[in-house]
Amino acid sequence: MATARTGPEVTDPLVKAEPCPEALVPAAISPPSWEIRDVAVLRGSASSWDQHVLDQQRALLPYVPRVPPAALPGKLTATTFALERPCCVFDPHANASDTVWLVVAFANASAAFRNPPSRADVPPYERLPTAHSYMTLETAAAAYACSAPSPAVLRVGGDTACGDQCGRDPCNGPLPSPGPYRVKFLLMGCHGPKAETRWSDPILLRRARSPSTINPAPARRSSDVVVIASILASLGAVLAAAVLCAVGYGGCAPVAHSCHERGSSLHASPVGARA
């Protein structure tokens, strides 16, 4: 007989979730007495009913994830974004064996996302291009307790190595496009989802500028700018010439006067000698 899964791994090595208890095999249940006429319709109805039961069993929390409003370095990049940690959000609903996941989905596909019934059905990061959503950042619920010391923010898309390792799960790989994206936190227990937050507002990443769009040549100036620059240059030259002329005239006048006085003294000296 196969043993039950011993509990999911967590991303925080200091806080680990306790393993789930051994799964009990339910006793055989006799089929109903009524006749099944359409097996296909019954299977579809059963699947819808199972999803409805899961939806009714989990709690919808009023918490809305968001990007920190404060100015942080690298808060939004071309492949990552920062997210506030959901501290004190799951305390009334979480047990020691529960884990909290982050659901990341394209904004236009968040309404179609369905919570997985178990950890084995969690959509991986590699399915984002086709499924338009994935789950990551699996963490023990105790790490988000009010009494747990922890960093203020989470980094979504910060693991650049796990995208190349298909066997590594869960992966917090870089986001492939600017989005926009929407996220929510999901509390998972040993028997499936237990509580979830609301979806965040759309989160749009920065767009990386293509090198082909960058013009290496300096931008050409318009004709108006060239004309104004020419006029200012001409006025500057005229003003400089006027200043030089004024300075030159003022410096030459005393020299001419002194030369005149010198000539007068030279003519006066023989007269004085004759006397």
Protein backbone atom coordinates (compact mmCIF):
# COMPACT_ATOMS: atom_id res chain seq x y z
CA MET A 1 0.00 0.00 0.00
CA ALA A 2 1.40 3.40 -0.97
CA THR A 3 2.14 5.77 1.87
CA ALA A 4 0.77 9.29 1.98
CA ARG A 5 2.92 12.28 1.08
CA THR A 6 4.87 13.54 4.11
CA GLY A 7 4.17 17.19 3.45
CA PRO A 8 5.40 19.83 1.05
CA GLU A 9 8.79 21.44 1.13
CA VAL A 10 8.92 25.09 2.15
CA THR A 11 11.06 27.92 0.91
CA ASP A 12 11.99 29.24 4.37
CA PRO A 13 14.52 26.83 5.95
CA LEU A 14 13.91 28.28 9.41
CA VAL A 15 10.16 27.63 9.46
CA LYS A 16 8.91 24.26 8.22
CA ALA A 17 5.39 22.88 8.11
CA GLU A 18 4.66 19.73 10.03
CA PRO A 19 4.01 16.61 7.93
CA CYS A 20 0.44 15.68 7.19
CA PRO A 21 -0.98 12.73 9.12
CA GLU A 22 -1.30 9.37 7.41
CA ALA A 23 -4.22 9.30 5.01
CA LEU A 24 -7.03 6.97 6.00
CA VAL A 25 -8.49 4.69 3.35
CA PRO A 26 -12.27 5.17 3.39
CA ALA A 27 -14.52 2.18 3.61
CA ALA A 28 -16.19 0.91 0.48
CA ILE A 29 -19.47 2.66 -0.28
CA SER A 30 -22.20 0.83 -2.08
CA PRO A 31 -23.50 2.49 -5.25
CA PRO A 32 -26.87 4.23 -5.14
CA SER A 33 -29.97 2.26 -5.89
CA TRP A 34 -31.17 4.44 -8.74
CA GLU A 35 -30.25 3.69 -12.32
CA ILE A 36 -27.52 5.76 -14.05
CA ARG A 37 -28.70 6.62 -17.54
CA ASP A 38 -25.98 8.98 -18.78
CA VAL A 39 -22.56 8.30 -17.37
CA ALA A 40 -20.87 11.16 -19.23
CA VAL A 41 -23.31 13.74 -17.90
CA LEU A 42 -22.98 12.31 -14.40
CA ARG A 43 -19.18 12.56 -14.53
CA GLY A 44 -19.38 16.17 -15.67
CA SER A 45 -21.85 16.97 -12.92
CA ALA A 46 -19.67 15.24 -10.35
CA SER A 47 -16.65 17.24 -11.42
CA SER A 48 -18.61 20.49 -11.17
CA TRP A 49 -19.99 19.43 -7.82
CA ASP A 50 -16.50 18.62 -6.50
CA GLN A 51 -15.30 22.07 -7.52
CA HIS A 52 -18.36 23.62 -5.90
CA VAL A 53 -17.63 21.74 -2.67
CA LEU A 54 -14.03 22.97 -2.71
CA ASP A 55 -15.22 26.52 -3.28
CA GLN A 56 -17.61 26.28 -0.35
CA GLN A 57 -15.04 24.74 1.99
CA ARG A 58 -12.36 27.42 1.63
CA ALA A 59 -12.60 30.82 3.27
CA LEU A 60 -12.36 34.02 1.22
CA LEU A 61 -10.26 36.52 3.15
CA PRO A 62 -10.61 40.28 2.63
CA TYR A 63 -6.85 40.78 2.29
CA VAL A 64 -5.72 42.14 -1.11
CA PRO A 65 -2.07 41.59 -2.09
CA ARG A 66 -0.25 44.66 -3.32
CA VAL A 67 3.11 46.04 -4.39
CA PRO A 68 4.65 48.10 -1.55
CA PRO A 69 3.68 51.76 -1.97
CA ALA A 70 7.02 53.00 -0.61
CA ALA A 71 9.93 53.72 -2.92
CA LEU A 72 12.11 50.60 -3.02
CA PRO A 73 15.04 49.80 -5.30
CA GLY A 74 13.95 47.23 -7.88
CA LYS A 75 10.30 47.34 -6.80
CA LEU A 76 9.26 46.82 -10.44
CA THR A 77 11.67 45.50 -13.05
CA ALA A 78 11.29 43.91 -16.48
CA THR A 79 11.03 40.38 -14.97
CA THR A 80 10.31 40.77 -11.23
CA PHE A 81 8.23 42.72 -8.75
CA ALA A 82 8.09 43.13 -4.99
CA LEU A 83 5.07 42.10 -2.95
CA GLU A 84 4.10 42.78 0.64
CA ARG A 85 4.15 39.71 2.90
CA PRO A 86 0.68 38.63 4.14
CA CYS A 87 1.51 38.83 7.82
CA CYS A 88 -1.25 37.94 10.32
CA VAL A 89 -3.64 37.07 7.49
CA PHE A 90 -3.95 33.28 7.91
CA ASP A 91 -3.58 32.93 11.69
CA PRO A 92 -7.25 32.05 12.40
CA HIS A 93 -7.33 29.40 9.64
CA ALA A 94 -3.86 27.80 9.55
CA ASN A 95 -2.53 24.69 11.24
CA ALA A 96 1.05 23.62 11.78
CA SER A 97 1.01 21.45 8.65
CA ASP A 98 -0.49 24.08 6.30
CA THR A 99 1.43 25.96 3.64
CA VAL A 100 0.79 29.23 1.82
CA TRP A 101 1.23 29.50 -1.95
CA LEU A 102 1.32 32.49 -4.24
CA VAL A 103 -0.85 32.21 -7.37
CA VAL A 104 0.43 34.26 -10.33
CA ALA A 105 -1.80 34.69 -13.38
CA PHE A 106 -2.12 36.99 -16.33
CA ALA A 107 -4.68 39.65 -15.47
CA ASN A 108 -7.08 38.55 -18.21
CA ALA A 109 -6.86 34.89 -17.11
CA SER A 110 -7.25 35.23 -13.33
CA ALA A 111 -11.02 34.69 -13.44
CA ALA A 112 -10.53 31.32 -15.11
CA PHE A 113 -8.07 30.02 -12.50
CA ARG A 114 -9.25 27.06 -10.44
CA ASN A 115 -7.65 26.18 -7.12
CA PRO A 116 -5.92 22.77 -7.23
CA PRO A 117 -7.48 20.08 -5.00
CA SER A 118 -4.06 18.91 -3.79
CA ARG A 119 -0.36 19.74 -3.97
CA ALA A 120 0.09 17.21 -6.76
CA ASP A 121 -2.20 19.31 -8.97
CA VAL A 122 -0.40 22.63 -8.43
CA PRO A 123 0.29 24.28 -11.83
CA PRO A 124 4.08 24.72 -12.25
CA TYR A 125 5.98 27.74 -13.49
CA GLU A 126 6.80 26.05 -16.79
CA ARG A 127 3.10 25.99 -17.75
CA LEU A 128 2.67 29.76 -17.60
CA PRO A 129 2.87 30.29 -21.41
CA THR A 130 0.08 27.77 -22.02
CA ALA A 131 -1.97 27.73 -18.78
CA HIS A 132 -1.53 31.50 -18.20
CA SER A 133 -1.04 30.90 -14.47
CA TYR A 134 1.18 29.07 -12.00
CA MET A 135 1.82 28.73 -8.26
CA THR A 136 5.05 29.45 -6.46
CA LEU A 137 6.67 30.60 -3.18
CA GLU A 138 5.39 27.66 -1.14
CA THR A 139 5.97 28.67 2.49
CA ALA A 140 4.92 27.28 5.85
CA ALA A 141 1.93 29.19 7.18
CA ALA A 142 3.81 29.75 10.43
CA ALA A 143 6.25 32.00 8.55
CA TYR A 144 3.42 34.52 8.03
CA ALA A 145 2.19 34.44 11.62
CA CYS A 146 2.02 37.69 13.58
CA SER A 147 4.82 36.54 15.88
CA ALA A 148 7.16 35.38 13.10
CA PRO A 149 10.05 37.74 12.27
CA SER A 150 10.37 37.99 8.52
CA PRO A 151 11.39 40.44 5.76
CA ALA A 152 8.83 43.02 4.78
CA VAL A 153 8.53 42.05 1.11
CA LEU A 154 8.60 39.05 -1.21
CA ARG A 155 10.38 39.01 -4.56
CA VAL A 156 8.30 37.44 -7.34
CA GLY A 157 10.36 36.14 -10.27
CA GLY A 158 13.69 36.45 -8.49
CA ASP A 159 15.03 32.92 -9.10
CA THR A 160 16.90 32.93 -12.42
CA ALA A 161 18.19 29.35 -12.09
CA CYS A 162 15.09 27.27 -11.41
CA GLY A 163 13.59 27.85 -14.88
CA ASP A 164 16.26 25.58 -16.38
CA GLN A 165 15.61 22.80 -13.84
CA CYS A 166 12.34 21.18 -14.80
CA GLY A 167 12.41 18.86 -11.78
CA ARG A 168 12.66 21.68 -9.26
CA ASP A 169 9.30 22.54 -7.77
CA PRO A 170 8.07 25.10 -7.06
CA CYS A 171 9.92 27.55 -9.29
CA ASN A 172 9.97 31.30 -8.76
CA GLY A 173 11.38 32.05 -12.19
CA PRO A 174 11.54 35.38 -14.03
CA LEU A 175 8.32 36.62 -15.57
CA PRO A 176 8.47 36.36 -19.36
CA SER A 177 6.57 39.55 -20.28
CA PRO A 178 5.44 42.86 -18.76
CA GLY A 179 2.00 41.41 -18.10
CA PRO A 180 -0.07 42.77 -16.49
CA TYR A 181 -0.36 40.12 -13.77
CA ARG A 182 -2.65 39.52 -10.82
CA VAL A 183 -1.73 37.50 -7.72
CA LYS A 184 -3.40 35.99 -4.68
CA PHE A 185 -2.31 33.89 -1.69
CA LEU A 186 -3.76 30.42 -1.20
CA LEU A 187 -3.65 28.47 2.08
CA MET A 188 -3.31 24.73 1.40
CA GLY A 189 -3.88 22.02 3.99
CA CYS A 190 -3.38 18.29 3.87
CA HIS A 191 -6.79 17.88 2.23
CA GLY A 192 -6.70 20.79 -0.19
CA PRO A 193 -7.37 24.55 -0.16
CA LYS A 194 -8.54 26.06 3.11
CA ALA A 195 -8.47 29.84 2.60
CA GLU A 196 -7.51 32.38 -0.03
CA THR A 197 -7.10 36.12 -0.38
CA ARG A 198 -8.63 38.32 -3.02
CA TRP A 199 -6.89 38.96 -6.30
CA SER A 200 -4.57 41.93 -6.46
CA ASP A 201 -4.96 44.83 -8.82
CA PRO A 202 -3.18 44.37 -12.18
CA ILE A 203 0.61 44.66 -11.84
CA LEU A 204 2.41 45.93 -14.93
CA LEU A 205 6.17 45.42 -15.14
CA ARG A 206 8.66 47.76 -16.75
CA ARG A 207 9.25 47.37 -20.47
CA ALA A 208 12.82 46.74 -21.50
CA ARG A 209 13.85 49.07 -24.32
CA SER A 210 15.10 47.29 -27.42
CA PRO A 211 18.63 48.29 -28.53
CA SER A 212 17.38 48.63 -32.11
CA THR A 213 15.12 51.50 -31.06
CA ILE A 214 18.01 53.55 -29.66
CA ASN A 215 19.40 56.09 -32.20
CA PRO A 216 23.17 56.45 -31.68
CA ALA A 217 23.29 59.71 -33.72
CA PRO A 218 22.53 62.93 -31.85
CA ALA A 219 19.12 64.40 -32.46
CA ARG A 220 19.01 67.08 -35.16
CA ARG A 221 18.11 70.56 -34.11
CA SER A 222 15.15 72.25 -35.69
CA SER A 223 15.60 75.22 -38.05
CA ASP A 224 14.08 77.62 -35.47
CA VAL A 225 16.67 76.63 -32.92
CA VAL A 226 19.47 77.13 -35.44
CA VAL A 227 18.22 80.62 -36.39
CA ILE A 228 17.89 81.70 -32.75
CA ALA A 229 21.35 80.38 -31.97
CA SER A 230 22.81 82.31 -34.95
CA ILE A 231 21.14 85.56 -33.88
CA LEU A 232 22.38 85.19 -30.32
CA ALA A 233 25.89 84.48 -31.59
CA SER A 234 25.81 87.58 -33.80
CA LEU A 235 24.56 89.77 -30.98
CA GLY A 236 27.25 88.41 -28.77
CA ALA A 237 29.93 89.24 -31.32
CA VAL A 238 28.60 92.80 -31.75
CA LEU A 239 28.48 93.31 -28.00
CA ALA A 240 32.02 92.02 -27.60
CA ALA A 241 33.30 94.36 -30.33
CA ALA A 242 31.58 97.32 -28.71
CA VAL A 243 33.15 96.51 -25.35
CA LEU A 244 36.61 96.18 -26.90
CA CYS A 245 36.24 99.52 -28.72
CA ALA A 246 35.14 101.27 -25.54
CA VAL A 247 38.04 99.83 -23.60
CA GLY A 248 40.51 100.72 -26.39
CA TYR A 249 39.28 104.35 -26.70
CA GLY A 250 39.48 104.91 -22.99
CA GLY A 251 43.04 103.56 -22.86
CA CYS A 252 44.37 105.56 -25.84
CA ALA A 253 43.13 109.03 -24.75
CA PRO A 254 45.46 109.30 -21.74
CA VAL A 255 48.42 108.14 -23.83
CA ALA A 256 47.81 110.86 -26.48
CA HIS A 257 47.52 113.46 -23.72
CA SER A 258 50.73 112.37 -22.12
CA CYS A 259 52.53 112.39 -25.46
CA HIS A 260 51.32 115.96 -26.03
CA GLU A 261 52.60 117.00 -22.67
CA ARG A 262 55.91 115.32 -23.42
CA GLY A 263 56.21 117.22 -26.75
CA SER A 264 55.44 120.52 -25.03
CA SER A 265 58.11 119.89 -22.46
CA LEU A 266 60.65 119.10 -25.16
CA HIS A 267 59.92 122.37 -26.96
CA ALA A 268 59.99 124.29 -23.75
CA SER A 269 63.33 123.05 -22.53
CA PRO A 270 65.52 124.94 -25.16
CA VAL A 271 63.65 128.13 -24.42
CA GLY A 272 64.49 127.71 -20.81
CA ALA A 273 68.11 126.98 -21.74
CA ARG A 274 68.37 130.17 -23.83
CA ALA A 275 67.02 132.14 -20.95
